[in-house]
Amino acid sequence: MGLLDRWTKKTEQAKLKDLDKKSVKPATTTKTVKKEKVESKNEIVAPVSTRKSVKTESIAYKILVRPLVTEKSAVMESLNKYSFIVSHSATKTQVKQAVAEAYGVRPATVNIMNVEGRSVRFGHGYGRRSDYKKAVVTLATGQSIAIHEGV
């Protein structure tokens, strides 16, 4: 493939040289070329920024997998700390945005930890539980989330 890439690059360069020879425009300086590149970058950047806004609108269902319902998390809820299992690629800011979108409350702090799965035994065989990422969200006083409604 390297030979074909070289050949296509040479043909593209030859086409560009032919276009430069045919054009009647005076030779451009490096400053004008830079301006043209900046203008083309602005045209390219505009659609990308609109795509980012579309991605951030519905982030909650991708980031928050499920609430973590354990005895320890039930005790922590009295301290306004709620536990969630989140996706492996989630960051603190993404979790904060997802909780705000899904539950309508602004978290004060977010702590994230990777939990390794434990090895378990099934009869004579051994297995392993899957790893997961856990987020502990702390809310301001007076705010709460109703997680255990359907449990």
Protein backbone atom coordinates (compact mmCIF):
# COMPACT_ATOMS: atom_id res chain seq x y z
CA MET A 1 0.00 0.00 0.00
CA GLY A 2 2.98 2.30 0.52
CA LEU A 3 3.72 2.36 -3.21
CA LEU A 4 0.15 3.28 -4.06
CA ASP A 5 0.13 6.04 -1.44
CA ARG A 6 3.27 7.55 -2.96
CA TRP A 7 1.77 7.39 -6.42
CA THR A 8 -1.47 9.09 -5.36
CA LYS A 9 0.48 11.79 -3.52
CA LYS A 10 2.55 12.47 -6.64
CA THR A 11 -0.55 12.71 -8.82
CA GLU A 12 -2.22 15.08 -6.35
CA GLN A 13 0.89 17.26 -6.25
CA ALA A 14 1.01 17.30 -10.03
CA LYS A 15 -2.64 18.37 -10.20
CA LEU A 16 -1.98 21.17 -7.72
CA LYS A 17 1.00 22.39 -9.77
CA ASP A 18 -1.14 22.37 -12.93
CA LEU A 19 -3.83 24.41 -11.18
CA ASP A 20 -1.24 26.92 -9.97
CA LYS A 21 0.16 27.31 -13.51
CA LYS A 22 -3.29 27.79 -15.03
CA SER A 23 -4.47 30.34 -12.52
CA VAL A 24 -3.93 33.98 -13.45
CA LYS A 25 -3.89 35.14 -9.83
CA PRO A 26 -0.67 36.67 -8.54
CA ALA A 27 1.48 34.58 -6.25
CA THR A 28 0.11 34.47 -2.73
CA THR A 29 2.20 35.16 0.32
CA THR A 30 2.33 32.90 3.32
CA LYS A 31 0.14 35.30 5.29
CA THR A 32 -2.78 34.96 2.90
CA VAL A 33 -2.41 31.19 2.87
CA LYS A 34 -2.60 31.14 6.64
CA LYS A 35 -5.76 33.24 6.54
CA GLU A 36 -7.34 30.83 4.09
CA LYS A 37 -6.49 27.92 6.36
CA VAL A 38 -7.99 29.67 9.38
CA GLU A 39 -11.19 30.40 7.48
CA SER A 40 -11.46 26.79 6.37
CA LYS A 41 -10.86 25.62 9.95
CA ASN A 42 -13.68 27.84 11.19
CA GLU A 43 -16.00 26.29 8.64
CA ILE A 44 -15.01 22.80 9.76
CA VAL A 45 -15.16 23.56 13.50
CA ALA A 46 -18.72 24.89 13.45
CA PRO A 47 -20.47 21.57 12.69
CA VAL A 48 -18.30 19.73 15.24
CA SER A 49 -19.39 22.05 18.06
CA THR A 50 -23.04 21.44 17.21
CA ARG A 51 -22.43 17.69 17.38
CA LYS A 52 -20.96 18.00 20.86
CA SER A 53 -24.07 19.75 22.12
CA VAL A 54 -26.20 16.90 20.78
CA LYS A 55 -24.07 14.32 22.63
CA THR A 56 -24.21 16.12 25.97
CA GLU A 57 -28.02 16.49 25.90
CA SER A 58 -28.79 12.81 26.56
CA ILE A 59 -25.81 11.62 28.56
CA ALA A 60 -27.54 10.21 31.66
CA TYR A 61 -28.60 6.85 30.27
CA LYS A 62 -25.09 6.20 28.91
CA ILE A 63 -23.20 7.20 32.05
CA LEU A 64 -25.41 5.99 34.92
CA VAL A 65 -25.82 2.22 34.64
CA ARG A 66 -27.86 1.70 37.83
CA PRO A 67 -27.99 2.79 41.46
CA LEU A 68 -25.96 0.64 43.85
CA VAL A 69 -28.36 -0.74 46.46
CA THR A 70 -26.48 -2.21 49.43
CA GLU A 71 -26.67 -1.88 53.20
CA LYS A 72 -23.70 0.44 53.23
CA SER A 73 -25.20 2.68 50.55
CA ALA A 74 -28.49 2.81 52.49
CA VAL A 75 -26.60 4.06 55.56
CA MET A 76 -24.71 6.59 53.44
CA GLU A 77 -27.99 8.02 52.12
CA SER A 78 -28.65 9.50 55.56
CA LEU A 79 -25.47 11.55 54.98
CA ASN A 80 -26.72 12.68 51.53
CA LYS A 81 -24.31 10.34 49.72
CA TYR A 82 -25.74 8.21 46.91
CA SER A 83 -23.91 5.37 45.13
CA PHE A 84 -24.20 4.53 41.43
CA ILE A 85 -22.58 2.02 39.12
CA VAL A 86 -21.35 4.01 36.13
CA SER A 87 -19.80 3.14 32.77
CA HIS A 88 -16.09 2.33 32.68
CA SER A 89 -15.26 5.45 30.65
CA ALA A 90 -17.20 7.90 32.86
CA THR A 91 -15.47 10.90 34.41
CA LYS A 92 -16.45 12.96 37.44
CA THR A 93 -17.83 15.83 35.37
CA GLN A 94 -19.87 13.47 33.20
CA VAL A 95 -21.35 11.79 36.29
CA LYS A 96 -22.20 15.20 37.76
CA GLN A 97 -24.00 16.21 34.55
CA ALA A 98 -25.81 12.87 34.31
CA VAL A 99 -27.13 13.05 37.89
CA ALA A 100 -28.27 16.63 37.32
CA GLU A 101 -30.09 15.58 34.15
CA ALA A 102 -31.65 12.38 35.49
CA TYR A 103 -32.69 13.48 38.99
CA GLY A 104 -32.83 17.28 38.75
CA VAL A 105 -30.36 17.95 41.60
CA ARG A 106 -26.87 19.45 41.45
CA PRO A 107 -24.26 17.25 43.18
CA ALA A 108 -21.75 19.01 45.44
CA THR A 109 -18.97 16.42 44.96
CA VAL A 110 -18.43 13.20 43.05
CA ASN A 111 -15.97 10.45 44.04
CA ILE A 112 -15.20 7.64 41.60
CA MET A 113 -13.52 4.31 42.25
CA ASN A 114 -12.79 1.17 40.24
CA VAL A 115 -14.00 -1.96 42.03
CA GLU A 116 -12.37 -5.27 41.15
CA GLY A 117 -14.63 -8.29 40.85
CA ARG A 118 -14.21 -11.01 43.47
CA SER A 119 -13.44 -14.62 42.72
CA VAL A 120 -16.38 -16.87 43.54
CA ARG A 121 -16.96 -20.60 43.62
CA PHE A 122 -19.80 -22.47 41.94
CA GLY A 123 -19.68 -26.07 43.19
CA HIS A 124 -16.39 -27.54 42.00
CA GLY A 125 -15.68 -24.70 39.57
CA TYR A 126 -14.34 -21.23 40.12
CA GLY A 127 -15.55 -18.01 38.57
CA ARG A 128 -15.06 -14.30 38.79
CA ARG A 129 -17.49 -11.44 39.16
CA SER A 130 -17.06 -8.63 36.68
CA ASP A 131 -15.23 -5.40 37.52
CA TYR A 132 -17.24 -2.18 37.72
CA LYS A 133 -16.83 1.52 38.33
CA LYS A 134 -18.61 3.05 41.32
CA ALA A 135 -19.46 6.72 41.83
CA VAL A 136 -20.43 8.21 45.20
CA VAL A 137 -22.37 11.44 44.72
CA THR A 138 -22.66 13.88 47.62
CA LEU A 139 -25.59 16.29 47.56
CA ALA A 140 -26.00 19.58 49.39
CA THR A 141 -28.09 19.64 52.56
CA GLY A 142 -31.82 19.71 51.88
CA GLN A 143 -31.55 17.81 48.57
CA SER A 144 -32.38 14.14 48.12
CA ILE A 145 -32.91 11.46 45.48
CA ALA A 146 -35.63 8.80 45.64
CA ILE A 147 -33.69 5.70 44.55
CA HIS A 148 -35.51 2.96 46.50
CA GLU A 149 -39.02 3.64 45.20
CA GLY A 150 -39.26 0.50 43.06
CA VAL A 151 -37.14 -1.78 45.27
